[in-house]
Structure formats: C-alpha cells, structure tokens
Amino acid sequence: MLTGIRQKVMVQSGGVIQVQSSELPIGAEVEVIVLLDTPAGEGRSLVSFIGAAQGSFANPTEADQFIRQHRDEWES
C-alpha cells in the first residue's frame, strides 16, 4: 500500500530541497516527486500546441498533401 506525504518546501541554493517527516521510517526506500508551481500566464499557450502532436498537420496544405497521397495509393 502506498502512503503519501505532502509538504511545501523552499528550494535552497543549488536546487536543494529537504523533506522531513516523523512518518518516514529509517532505511525505507521512497520515491520523491517534485511539482513546481508556476504562476498563471507562464508556459505555452494552447495555440502553440496546434500541429505539434504526432500525426497532426501544421497547416491545411500538409493535410491536403497527406490525403492526396493516400488517395493516390488506394486508387493504384
């Protein structure tokens, strides 16, 4: 069974973080996941994802070429 401990900590110089809890048994193997809270407005806009995924087309011309190529293959 997994048990979670959630703490907010400050990043120290050199990117060091420290987690302390009396719930952590000495010698136990644990997995640490760090989630960085970024302020709203930072990061990529939704528009930047258009055409970026595998199988997506950056513009209508690329989509049209893909369709024409497959149509030609089916007809031959």
PDB file of N, CA and C in Angstrom:
ATOM      1  N   MET A   1       0.838  -1.174   0.000  1.00  0.00           N
ATOM      2  CA  MET A   1       0.000   0.000   0.000  1.00  0.00           C
ATOM      3  C   MET A   1       0.888   1.244   0.000  1.00  0.00           C
ATOM      4  N   LEU A   2       0.516   2.236  -0.797  1.00  0.00           N
ATOM      5  CA  LEU A   2       1.266   3.486  -0.851  1.00  0.00           C
ATOM      6  C   LEU A   2       0.708   4.483   0.145  1.00  0.00           C
ATOM      7  N   THR A   3       1.591   5.176   0.814  1.00  0.00           N
ATOM      8  CA  THR A   3       1.215   6.244   1.724  1.00  0.00           C
ATOM      9  C   THR A   3       1.858   7.522   1.225  1.00  0.00           C
ATOM     10  N   GLY A   4       1.107   8.596   1.185  1.00  0.00           N
ATOM     11  CA  GLY A   4       1.640   9.855   0.678  1.00  0.00           C
ATOM     12  C   GLY A   4       1.879  10.863   1.776  1.00  0.00           C
ATOM     13  N   ILE A   5       2.929  11.625   1.601  1.00  0.00           N
ATOM     14  CA  ILE A   5       3.226  12.747   2.486  1.00  0.00           C
ATOM     15  C   ILE A   5       3.344  13.972   1.593  1.00  0.00           C
ATOM     16  N   ARG A   6       2.575  14.989   1.896  1.00  0.00           N
ATOM     17  CA  ARG A   6       2.600  16.194   1.075  1.00  0.00           C
ATOM     18  C   ARG A   6       3.137  17.347   1.903  1.00  0.00           C
ATOM     19  N   GLN A   7       4.189  17.991   1.386  1.00  0.00           N
ATOM     20  CA  GLN A   7       4.787  19.128   2.082  1.00  0.00           C
ATOM     21  C   GLN A   7       5.138  20.197   1.057  1.00  0.00           C
ATOM     22  N   LYS A   8       5.044  21.441   1.462  1.00  0.00           N
ATOM     23  CA  LYS A   8       5.555  22.545   0.652  1.00  0.00           C
ATOM     24  C   LYS A   8       6.889  22.938   1.255  1.00  0.00           C
ATOM     25  N   VAL A   9       7.914  23.012   0.419  1.00  0.00           N
ATOM     26  CA  VAL A   9       9.252  23.364   0.881  1.00  0.00           C
ATOM     27  C   VAL A   9       9.827  24.449  -0.022  1.00  0.00           C
ATOM     28  N   MET A  10      10.830  25.148   0.492  1.00  0.00           N
ATOM     29  CA  MET A  10      11.535  26.150  -0.302  1.00  0.00           C
ATOM     30  C   MET A  10      12.782  25.519  -0.904  1.00  0.00           C
ATOM     31  N   VAL A  11      13.049  25.861  -2.152  1.00  0.00           N
ATOM     32  CA  VAL A  11      14.263  25.380  -2.806  1.00  0.00           C
ATOM     33  C   VAL A  11      15.424  26.220  -2.291  1.00  0.00           C
ATOM     34  N   GLN A  12      16.461  25.539  -1.822  1.00  0.00           N
ATOM     35  CA  GLN A  12      17.644  26.214  -1.298  1.00  0.00           C
ATOM     36  C   GLN A  12      18.654  26.401  -2.423  1.00  0.00           C
ATOM     37  N   SER A  13      19.716  27.120  -2.142  1.00  0.00           N
ATOM     38  CA  SER A  13      20.723  27.364  -3.174  1.00  0.00           C
ATOM     39  C   SER A  13      21.242  26.039  -3.714  1.00  0.00           C
ATOM     40  N   GLY A  14      21.515  26.023  -4.996  1.00  0.00           N
ATOM     41  CA  GLY A  14      21.981  24.807  -5.653  1.00  0.00           C
ATOM     42  C   GLY A  14      20.859  23.847  -5.992  1.00  0.00           C
ATOM     43  N   GLY A  15      19.608  24.296  -5.835  1.00  0.00           N
ATOM     44  CA  GLY A  15      18.464  23.448  -6.169  1.00  0.00           C
ATOM     45  C   GLY A  15      18.177  22.378  -5.138  1.00  0.00           C
ATOM     46  N   VAL A  16      18.638  22.562  -3.929  1.00  0.00           N
ATOM     47  CA  VAL A  16      18.469  21.563  -2.866  1.00  0.00           C
ATOM     48  C   VAL A  16      17.113  21.737  -2.188  1.00  0.00           C
ATOM     49  N   ILE A  17      16.425  20.624  -1.977  1.00  0.00           N
ATOM     50  CA  ILE A  17      15.190  20.621  -1.188  1.00  0.00           C
ATOM     51  C   ILE A  17      15.353  19.616  -0.058  1.00  0.00           C
ATOM     52  N   GLN A  18      14.632  19.853   1.041  1.00  0.00           N
ATOM     53  CA  GLN A  18      14.744  18.956   2.196  1.00  0.00           C
ATOM     54  C   GLN A  18      13.336  18.596   2.659  1.00  0.00           C
ATOM     55  N   VAL A  19      13.111  17.301   2.822  1.00  0.00           N
ATOM     56  CA  VAL A  19      11.824  16.800   3.297  1.00  0.00           C
ATOM     57  C   VAL A  19      12.064  16.069   4.603  1.00  0.00           C
ATOM     58  N   GLN A  20      11.332  16.461   5.657  1.00  0.00           N
ATOM     59  CA  GLN A  20      11.440  15.809   6.952  1.00  0.00           C
ATOM     60  C   GLN A  20      10.053  15.405   7.412  1.00  0.00           C
ATOM     61  N   SER A  21       9.936  14.184   7.933  1.00  0.00           N
ATOM     62  CA  SER A  21       8.662  13.727   8.462  1.00  0.00           C
ATOM     63  C   SER A  21       8.902  12.575   9.423  1.00  0.00           C
ATOM     64  N   SER A  22       8.205  12.621  10.554  1.00  0.00           N
ATOM     65  CA  SER A  22       8.304  11.515  11.507  1.00  0.00           C
ATOM     66  C   SER A  22       7.629  10.263  10.953  1.00  0.00           C
ATOM     67  N   GLU A  23       6.853  10.407   9.884  1.00  0.00           N
ATOM     68  CA  GLU A  23       6.181   9.264   9.257  1.00  0.00           C
ATOM     69  C   GLU A  23       7.127   8.452   8.370  1.00  0.00           C
ATOM     70  N   LEU A  24       8.337   8.970   8.115  1.00  0.00           N
ATOM     71  CA  LEU A  24       9.290   8.267   7.251  1.00  0.00           C
ATOM     72  C   LEU A  24      10.169   7.348   8.088  1.00  0.00           C
ATOM     73  N   PRO A  25      10.012   6.027   7.920  1.00  0.00           N
ATOM     74  CA  PRO A  25      10.830   5.091   8.699  1.00  0.00           C
ATOM     75  C   PRO A  25      12.276   5.074   8.205  1.00  0.00           C
ATOM     76  N   ILE A  26      13.206   4.974   9.109  1.00  0.00           N
ATOM     77  CA  ILE A  26      14.632   4.946   8.776  1.00  0.00           C
ATOM     78  C   ILE A  26      14.920   3.743   7.872  1.00  0.00           C
ATOM     79  N   GLY A  27      15.636   3.987   6.802  1.00  0.00           N
ATOM     80  CA  GLY A  27      16.028   2.929   5.887  1.00  0.00           C
ATOM     81  C   GLY A  27      14.991   2.570   4.842  1.00  0.00           C
ATOM     82  N   ALA A  28      13.828   3.212   4.874  1.00  0.00           N
ATOM     83  CA  ALA A  28      12.788   2.902   3.892  1.00  0.00           C
ATOM     84  C   ALA A  28      13.151   3.494   2.532  1.00  0.00           C
ATOM     85  N   GLU A  29      12.832   2.765   1.478  1.00  0.00           N
ATOM     86  CA  GLU A  29      13.036   3.272   0.127  1.00  0.00           C
ATOM     87  C   GLU A  29      11.780   4.040  -0.277  1.00  0.00           C
ATOM     88  N   VAL A  30      11.966   5.285  -0.729  1.00  0.00           N
ATOM     89  CA  VAL A  30      10.834   6.130  -1.090  1.00  0.00           C
ATOM     90  C   VAL A  30      11.053   6.711  -2.477  1.00  0.00           C
ATOM     91  N   GLU A  31       9.985   7.171  -3.073  1.00  0.00           N
ATOM     92  CA  GLU A  31      10.054   7.855  -4.361  1.00  0.00           C
ATOM     93  C   GLU A  31       9.652   9.305  -4.121  1.00  0.00           C
ATOM     94  N   VAL A  32      10.446  10.226  -4.636  1.00  0.00           N
ATOM     95  CA  VAL A  32      10.177  11.646  -4.453  1.00  0.00           C
ATOM     96  C   VAL A  32       9.755  12.237  -5.789  1.00  0.00           C
ATOM     97  N   ILE A  33       8.623  12.924  -5.791  1.00  0.00           N
ATOM     98  CA  ILE A  33       8.127  13.612  -6.977  1.00  0.00           C
ATOM     99  C   ILE A  33       8.075  15.093  -6.645  1.00  0.00           C
ATOM    100  N   VAL A  34       8.710  15.905  -7.469  1.00  0.00           N
ATOM    101  CA  VAL A  34       8.746  17.345  -7.232  1.00  0.00           C
ATOM    102  C   VAL A  34       7.851  18.021  -8.259  1.00  0.00           C
ATOM    103  N   LEU A  35       6.868  18.778  -7.786  1.00  0.00           N
ATOM    104  CA  LEU A  35       5.974  19.531  -8.649  1.00  0.00           C
ATOM    105  C   LEU A  35       6.254  21.012  -8.432  1.00  0.00           C
ATOM    106  N   LEU A  36       6.635  21.706  -9.489  1.00  0.00           N
ATOM    107  CA  LEU A  36       6.964  23.119  -9.397  1.00  0.00           C
ATOM    108  C   LEU A  36       5.735  23.938  -9.755  1.00  0.00           C
ATOM    109  N   ASP A  37       5.298  24.774  -8.841  1.00  0.00           N
ATOM    110  CA  ASP A  37       4.125  25.611  -9.063  1.00  0.00           C
ATOM    111  C   ASP A  37       4.547  26.847  -9.852  1.00  0.00           C
ATOM    112  N   THR A  38       4.094  26.958 -11.103  1.00  0.00           N
ATOM    113  CA  THR A  38       4.425  28.116 -11.928  1.00  0.00           C
ATOM    114  C   THR A  38       3.249  29.079 -11.949  1.00  0.00           C
ATOM    115  N   PRO A  39       3.521  30.361 -11.898  1.00  0.00           N
ATOM    116  CA  PRO A  39       2.435  31.351 -11.922  1.00  0.00           C
ATOM    117  C   PRO A  39       1.631  31.261 -13.216  1.00  0.00           C
ATOM    118  N   ALA A  40       0.341  31.576 -13.121  1.00  0.00           N
ATOM    119  CA  ALA A  40      -0.523  31.563 -14.303  1.00  0.00           C
ATOM    120  C   ALA A  40       0.025  32.547 -15.328  1.00  0.00           C
ATOM    121  N   GLY A  41      -0.132  32.200 -16.581  1.00  0.00           N
ATOM    122  CA  GLY A  41       0.333  33.075 -17.643  1.00  0.00           C
ATOM    123  C   GLY A  41       1.690  32.679 -18.183  1.00  0.00           C
ATOM    124  N   GLU A  42       2.446  31.914 -17.416  1.00  0.00           N
ATOM    125  CA  GLU A  42       3.736  31.437 -17.907  1.00  0.00           C
ATOM    126  C   GLU A  42       3.532  30.102 -18.607  1.00  0.00           C
ATOM    127  N   GLY A  43       4.476  29.737 -19.435  1.00  0.00           N
ATOM    128  CA  GLY A  43       4.378  28.468 -20.139  1.00  0.00           C
ATOM    129  C   GLY A  43       3.824  28.665 -21.549  1.00  0.00           C
ATOM    130  N   ARG A  44       3.414  27.589 -22.155  1.00  0.00           N
ATOM    131  CA  ARG A  44       2.944  27.628 -23.538  1.00  0.00           C
ATOM    132  C   ARG A  44       1.453  27.942 -23.599  1.00  0.00           C
ATOM    133  N   SER A  45       1.080  28.661 -24.630  1.00  0.00           N
ATOM    134  CA  SER A  45      -0.338  28.920 -24.842  1.00  0.00           C
ATOM    135  C   SER A  45      -0.952  27.711 -25.547  1.00  0.00           C
ATOM    136  N   LEU A  46      -2.250  27.587 -25.475  1.00  0.00           N
ATOM    137  CA  LEU A  46      -2.919  26.458 -26.130  1.00  0.00           C
ATOM    138  C   LEU A  46      -2.722  26.496 -27.639  1.00  0.00           C
ATOM    139  N   VAL A  47      -2.641  27.664 -28.215  1.00  0.00           N
ATOM    140  CA  VAL A  47      -2.454  27.791 -29.662  1.00  0.00           C
ATOM    141  C   VAL A  47      -1.124  27.168 -30.087  1.00  0.00           C
ATOM    142  N   SER A  48      -0.115  27.196 -29.233  1.00  0.00           N
ATOM    143  CA  SER A  48       1.188  26.645 -29.596  1.00  0.00           C
ATOM    144  C   SER A  48       1.150  25.130 -29.761  1.00  0.00           C
ATOM    145  N   PHE A  49       0.099  24.465 -29.248  1.00  0.00           N
ATOM    146  CA  PHE A  49       0.001  23.014 -29.372  1.00  0.00           C
ATOM    147  C   PHE A  49      -0.587  22.580 -30.713  1.00  0.00           C
ATOM    148  N   ILE A  50      -1.185  23.491 -31.463  1.00  0.00           N
ATOM    149  CA  ILE A  50      -1.807  23.138 -32.742  1.00  0.00           C
ATOM    150  C   ILE A  50      -0.727  22.651 -33.703  1.00  0.00           C
ATOM    151  N   GLY A  51      -0.920  21.458 -34.219  1.00  0.00           N
ATOM    152  CA  GLY A  51       0.017  20.875 -35.164  1.00  0.00           C
ATOM    153  C   GLY A  51       1.268  20.303 -34.537  1.00  0.00           C
ATOM    154  N   ALA A  52       1.384  20.319 -33.220  1.00  0.00           N
ATOM    155  CA  ALA A  52       2.606  19.864 -32.564  1.00  0.00           C
ATOM    156  C   ALA A  52       2.597  18.370 -32.241  1.00  0.00           C
ATOM    157  N   ALA A  53       1.430  17.761 -32.150  1.00  0.00           N
ATOM    158  CA  ALA A  53       1.349  16.349 -31.774  1.00  0.00           C
ATOM    159  C   ALA A  53       1.654  15.444 -32.963  1.00  0.00           C
ATOM    160  N   GLN A  54       2.072  14.225 -32.646  1.00  0.00           N
ATOM    161  CA  GLN A  54       2.370  13.265 -33.696  1.00  0.00           C
ATOM    162  C   GLN A  54       1.096  12.983 -34.477  1.00  0.00           C
ATOM    163  N   GLY A  55       1.192  13.021 -35.812  1.00  0.00           N
ATOM    164  CA  GLY A  55       0.037  12.776 -36.658  1.00  0.00           C
ATOM    165  C   GLY A  55      -0.771  14.026 -36.936  1.00  0.00           C
ATOM    166  N   SER A  56      -0.347  15.156 -36.409  1.00  0.00           N
ATOM    167  CA  SER A  56      -1.037  16.414 -36.661  1.00  0.00           C
ATOM    168  C   SER A  56      -0.381  17.129 -37.831  1.00  0.00           C
ATOM    169  N   PHE A  57      -1.090  18.068 -38.383  1.00  0.00           N
ATOM    170  CA  PHE A  57      -0.586  18.827 -39.510  1.00  0.00           C
ATOM    171  C   PHE A  57      -0.441  20.280 -39.110  1.00  0.00           C
ATOM    172  N   ALA A  58       0.654  20.898 -39.511  1.00  0.00           N
ATOM    173  CA  ALA A  58       0.932  22.279 -39.139  1.00  0.00           C
ATOM    174  C   ALA A  58       0.041  23.263 -39.879  1.00  0.00           C
ATOM    175  N   ASN A  59      -0.416  22.863 -41.072  1.00  0.00           N
ATOM    176  CA  ASN A  59      -1.263  23.759 -41.854  1.00  0.00           C
ATOM    177  C   ASN A  59      -2.148  22.930 -42.792  1.00  0.00           C
ATOM    178  N   PRO A  60      -3.165  23.548 -43.407  1.00  0.00           N
ATOM    179  CA  PRO A  60      -4.076  22.811 -44.281  1.00  0.00           C
ATOM    180  C   PRO A  60      -3.390  22.202 -45.500  1.00  0.00           C
ATOM    181  N   THR A  61      -2.331  22.831 -45.991  1.00  0.00           N
ATOM    182  CA  THR A  61      -1.623  22.302 -47.163  1.00  0.00           C
ATOM    183  C   THR A  61      -1.016  20.935 -46.867  1.00  0.00           C
ATOM    184  N   GLU A  62      -0.408  20.789 -45.679  1.00  0.00           N
ATOM    185  CA  GLU A  62       0.165  19.494 -45.303  1.00  0.00           C
ATOM    186  C   GLU A  62      -0.921  18.424 -45.203  1.00  0.00           C
ATOM    187  N   ALA A  63      -2.057  18.767 -44.635  1.00  0.00           N
ATOM    188  CA  ALA A  63      -3.162  17.812 -44.521  1.00  0.00           C
ATOM    189  C   ALA A  63      -3.650  17.407 -45.898  1.00  0.00           C
ATOM    190  N   ASP A  64      -3.783  18.369 -46.807  1.00  0.00           N
ATOM    191  CA  ASP A  64      -4.248  18.086 -48.164  1.00  0.00           C
ATOM    192  C   ASP A  64      -3.265  17.172 -48.899  1.00  0.00           C
ATOM    193  N   GLN A  65      -1.969  17.421 -48.752  1.00  0.00           N
ATOM    194  CA  GLN A  65      -0.958  16.567 -49.385  1.00  0.00           C
ATOM    195  C   GLN A  65      -1.039  15.145 -48.851  1.00  0.00           C
ATOM    196  N   PHE A  66      -1.222  14.999 -47.547  1.00  0.00           N
ATOM    197  CA  PHE A  66      -1.327  13.684 -46.945  1.00  0.00           C
ATOM    198  C   PHE A  66      -2.528  12.929 -47.505  1.00  0.00           C
ATOM    199  N   ILE A  67      -3.662  13.596 -47.576  1.00  0.00           N
ATOM    200  CA  ILE A  67      -4.887  12.959 -48.079  1.00  0.00           C
ATOM    201  C   ILE A  67      -4.735  12.583 -49.548  1.00  0.00           C
ATOM    202  N   ARG A  68      -4.191  13.484 -50.347  1.00  0.00           N
ATOM    203  CA  ARG A  68      -3.997  13.193 -51.777  1.00  0.00           C
ATOM    204  C   ARG A  68      -3.060  12.002 -51.977  1.00  0.00           C
ATOM    205  N   GLN A  69      -1.981  11.946 -51.196  1.00  0.00           N
ATOM    206  CA  GLN A  69      -1.021  10.842 -51.319  1.00  0.00           C
ATOM    207  C   GLN A  69      -1.707   9.512 -51.028  1.00  0.00           C
ATOM    208  N   HIS A  70      -2.480   9.440 -49.961  1.00  0.00           N
ATOM    209  CA  HIS A  70      -3.148   8.188 -49.612  1.00  0.00           C
ATOM    210  C   HIS A  70      -4.257   7.850 -50.602  1.00  0.00           C
ATOM    211  N   ARG A  71      -4.938   8.839 -51.095  1.00  0.00           N
ATOM    212  CA  ARG A  71      -5.973   8.589 -52.109  1.00  0.00           C
ATOM    213  C   ARG A  71      -5.340   8.002 -53.373  1.00  0.00           C
ATOM    214  N   ASP A  72      -4.181   8.548 -53.786  1.00  0.00           N
ATOM    215  CA  ASP A  72      -3.481   8.031 -54.959  1.00  0.00           C
ATOM    216  C   ASP A  72      -3.027   6.579 -54.730  1.00  0.00           C
ATOM    217  N   GLU A  73      -2.569   6.267 -53.537  1.00  0.00           N
ATOM    218  CA  GLU A  73      -2.138   4.901 -53.227  1.00  0.00           C
ATOM    219  C   GLU A  73      -3.312   3.932 -53.279  1.00  0.00           C
ATOM    220  N   TRP A  74      -4.488   4.354 -52.788  1.00  0.00           N
ATOM    221  CA  TRP A  74      -5.654   3.481 -52.796  1.00  0.00           C
ATOM    222  C   TRP A  74      -6.136   3.219 -54.216  1.00  0.00           C
ATOM    223  N   GLU A  75      -6.042   4.228 -55.080  1.00  0.00           N
ATOM    224  CA  GLU A  75      -6.547   4.099 -56.461  1.00  0.00           C
ATOM    225  C   GLU A  75      -5.621   3.278 -57.342  1.00  0.00           C
ATOM    226  N   SER A  76      -4.348   3.155 -56.984  1.00  0.00           N
ATOM    227  CA  SER A  76      -3.432   2.391 -57.831  1.00  0.00           C
ATOM    228  C   SER A  76      -3.379   0.943 -57.477  1.00  0.00           C
TER     229      SER A  76
END
